Amino acid sequence: MSIKPFEYSRCQFVVEVKGLKFTVILREEPEGGYSAQVVELPGCISQGETREETLKNIREAIEGYLEAFPEEINQLKRKKELVEVTV
């Protein structure tokens, strides 16, 4: 009997909180449930049993992150204004 490796799915969503848009990576976990990570906010992660619950939880995590680190709002706005040119 061959064991098939677990192939989890990964989706990308845009979530809006407090007028700001965030990129959220949603992953189906091998042990069950889902995890979510916000690309723009390092360490802002959450989990849930269903996709819907996980997205609800990550919205709450984003709100909590922005309350704990209000300076991040200005940093995010400035980051979107920067343009990098490589030669």
C-alpha atoms as a PDB file:
ATOM      1  CA  MET A   1       0.000   0.000   0.000  1.00  0.00           C
ATOM      2  CA  SER A   2       1.499   3.346  -0.982  1.00  0.00           C
ATOM      3  CA  ILE A   3       1.000   6.397   1.170  1.00  0.00           C
ATOM      4  CA  LYS A   4      -0.030   9.451  -0.773  1.00  0.00           C
ATOM      5  CA  PRO A   5       1.627  12.672   0.457  1.00  0.00           C
ATOM      6  CA  PHE A   6      -0.762  15.290   1.736  1.00  0.00           C
ATOM      7  CA  GLU A   7      -1.327  18.050  -0.778  1.00  0.00           C
ATOM      8  CA  TYR A   8      -2.800  21.021   0.992  1.00  0.00           C
ATOM      9  CA  SER A   9      -4.471  23.802  -0.848  1.00  0.00           C
ATOM     10  CA  ARG A  10      -3.408  27.387  -0.569  1.00  0.00           C
ATOM     11  CA  CYS A  11      -5.562  30.361  -1.532  1.00  0.00           C
ATOM     12  CA  GLN A  12      -4.932  34.054  -1.500  1.00  0.00           C
ATOM     13  CA  PHE A  13      -7.581  36.560  -0.418  1.00  0.00           C
ATOM     14  CA  VAL A  14      -7.764  40.318  -0.045  1.00  0.00           C
ATOM     15  CA  VAL A  15      -9.319  41.344   3.256  1.00  0.00           C
ATOM     16  CA  GLU A  16     -10.327  44.921   4.039  1.00  0.00           C
ATOM     17  CA  VAL A  17     -10.073  46.177   7.625  1.00  0.00           C
ATOM     18  CA  LYS A  18     -10.325  49.833   8.687  1.00  0.00           C
ATOM     19  CA  GLY A  19     -10.215  50.943   5.056  1.00  0.00           C
ATOM     20  CA  LEU A  20      -6.956  49.103   4.370  1.00  0.00           C
ATOM     21  CA  LYS A  21      -6.588  46.056   2.142  1.00  0.00           C
ATOM     22  CA  PHE A  22      -4.467  43.119   3.274  1.00  0.00           C
ATOM     23  CA  THR A  23      -3.286  40.026   1.431  1.00  0.00           C
ATOM     24  CA  VAL A  24      -4.193  36.881   3.358  1.00  0.00           C
ATOM     25  CA  ILE A  25      -2.801  33.450   2.532  1.00  0.00           C
ATOM     26  CA  LEU A  26      -5.205  30.716   3.592  1.00  0.00           C
ATOM     27  CA  ARG A  27      -3.876  27.165   3.902  1.00  0.00           C
ATOM     28  CA  GLU A  28      -5.612  23.873   4.515  1.00  0.00           C
ATOM     29  CA  GLU A  29      -3.582  22.137   7.219  1.00  0.00           C
ATOM     30  CA  PRO A  30      -2.676  18.417   7.033  1.00  0.00           C
ATOM     31  CA  GLU A  31      -3.959  17.762  10.563  1.00  0.00           C
ATOM     32  CA  GLY A  32      -7.269  19.459   9.740  1.00  0.00           C
ATOM     33  CA  GLY A  33      -8.614  22.968   9.756  1.00  0.00           C
ATOM     34  CA  TYR A  34      -7.085  26.036   8.173  1.00  0.00           C
ATOM     35  CA  SER A  35      -4.446  28.637   8.950  1.00  0.00           C
ATOM     36  CA  ALA A  36      -4.175  32.202   7.690  1.00  0.00           C
ATOM     37  CA  GLN A  37      -1.267  34.609   7.463  1.00  0.00           C
ATOM     38  CA  VAL A  38      -1.281  38.318   6.565  1.00  0.00           C
ATOM     39  CA  VAL A  39       1.506  39.141   4.120  1.00  0.00           C
ATOM     40  CA  GLU A  40       1.794  42.825   5.106  1.00  0.00           C
ATOM     41  CA  LEU A  41       1.770  42.229   8.879  1.00  0.00           C
ATOM     42  CA  PRO A  42       4.575  39.905  10.019  1.00  0.00           C
ATOM     43  CA  GLY A  43       3.418  37.551  12.751  1.00  0.00           C
ATOM     44  CA  CYS A  44      -0.278  38.232  12.170  1.00  0.00           C
ATOM     45  CA  ILE A  45      -1.655  34.705  11.888  1.00  0.00           C
ATOM     46  CA  SER A  46      -4.788  32.820  12.889  1.00  0.00           C
ATOM     47  CA  GLN A  47      -6.542  29.506  12.415  1.00  0.00           C
ATOM     48  CA  GLY A  48      -9.969  27.914  12.379  1.00  0.00           C
ATOM     49  CA  GLU A  49     -11.883  24.739  11.651  1.00  0.00           C
ATOM     50  CA  THR A  50     -13.483  26.073   8.444  1.00  0.00           C
ATOM     51  CA  ARG A  51     -12.443  28.585   5.800  1.00  0.00           C
ATOM     52  CA  GLU A  52     -15.156  30.993   6.932  1.00  0.00           C
ATOM     53  CA  GLU A  53     -14.146  30.745  10.598  1.00  0.00           C
ATOM     54  CA  THR A  54     -10.486  31.242   9.697  1.00  0.00           C
ATOM     55  CA  LEU A  55     -11.224  34.365   7.636  1.00  0.00           C
ATOM     56  CA  LYS A  56     -13.346  35.757  10.481  1.00  0.00           C
ATOM     57  CA  ASN A  57     -10.531  35.034  12.933  1.00  0.00           C
ATOM     58  CA  ILE A  58      -7.869  36.645  10.738  1.00  0.00           C
ATOM     59  CA  ARG A  59      -9.967  39.815  10.471  1.00  0.00           C
ATOM     60  CA  GLU A  60     -10.040  39.941  14.280  1.00  0.00           C
ATOM     61  CA  ALA A  61      -6.279  39.293  14.366  1.00  0.00           C
ATOM     62  CA  ILE A  62      -5.685  42.199  11.946  1.00  0.00           C
ATOM     63  CA  GLU A  63      -7.829  44.520  14.078  1.00  0.00           C
ATOM     64  CA  GLY A  64      -5.926  43.460  17.206  1.00  0.00           C
ATOM     65  CA  TYR A  65      -2.580  43.903  15.469  1.00  0.00           C
ATOM     66  CA  LEU A  66      -3.473  47.415  14.334  1.00  0.00           C
ATOM     67  CA  GLU A  67      -4.697  48.319  17.838  1.00  0.00           C
ATOM     68  CA  ALA A  68      -1.449  47.045  19.366  1.00  0.00           C
ATOM     69  CA  PHE A  69       0.743  48.663  16.693  1.00  0.00           C
ATOM     70  CA  PRO A  70      -1.112  51.768  15.414  1.00  0.00           C
ATOM     71  CA  GLU A  71       2.069  53.092  13.808  1.00  0.00           C
ATOM     72  CA  GLU A  72       1.819  50.233  11.297  1.00  0.00           C
ATOM     73  CA  ILE A  73      -1.082  51.991   9.549  1.00  0.00           C
ATOM     74  CA  ASN A  74       1.165  54.900   8.532  1.00  0.00           C
ATOM     75  CA  GLN A  75       4.005  52.522   7.637  1.00  0.00           C
ATOM     76  CA  LEU A  76       1.675  50.535   5.365  1.00  0.00           C
ATOM     77  CA  LYS A  77       0.494  53.665   3.580  1.00  0.00           C
ATOM     78  CA  ARG A  78       4.099  54.759   2.998  1.00  0.00           C
ATOM     79  CA  LYS A  79       5.162  51.327   1.771  1.00  0.00           C
ATOM     80  CA  LYS A  80       2.497  51.418  -0.928  1.00  0.00           C
ATOM     81  CA  GLU A  81       3.881  54.739  -2.155  1.00  0.00           C
ATOM     82  CA  LEU A  82       7.427  53.421  -2.605  1.00  0.00           C
ATOM     83  CA  VAL A  83       8.607  52.248  -5.993  1.00  0.00           C
ATOM     84  CA  GLU A  84      11.752  50.188  -6.411  1.00  0.00           C
ATOM     85  CA  VAL A  85      13.691  50.426  -9.647  1.00  0.00           C
ATOM     86  CA  THR A  86      16.223  47.719 -10.449  1.00  0.00           C
ATOM     87  CA  VAL A  87      18.587  47.730 -13.364  1.00  0.00           C
END
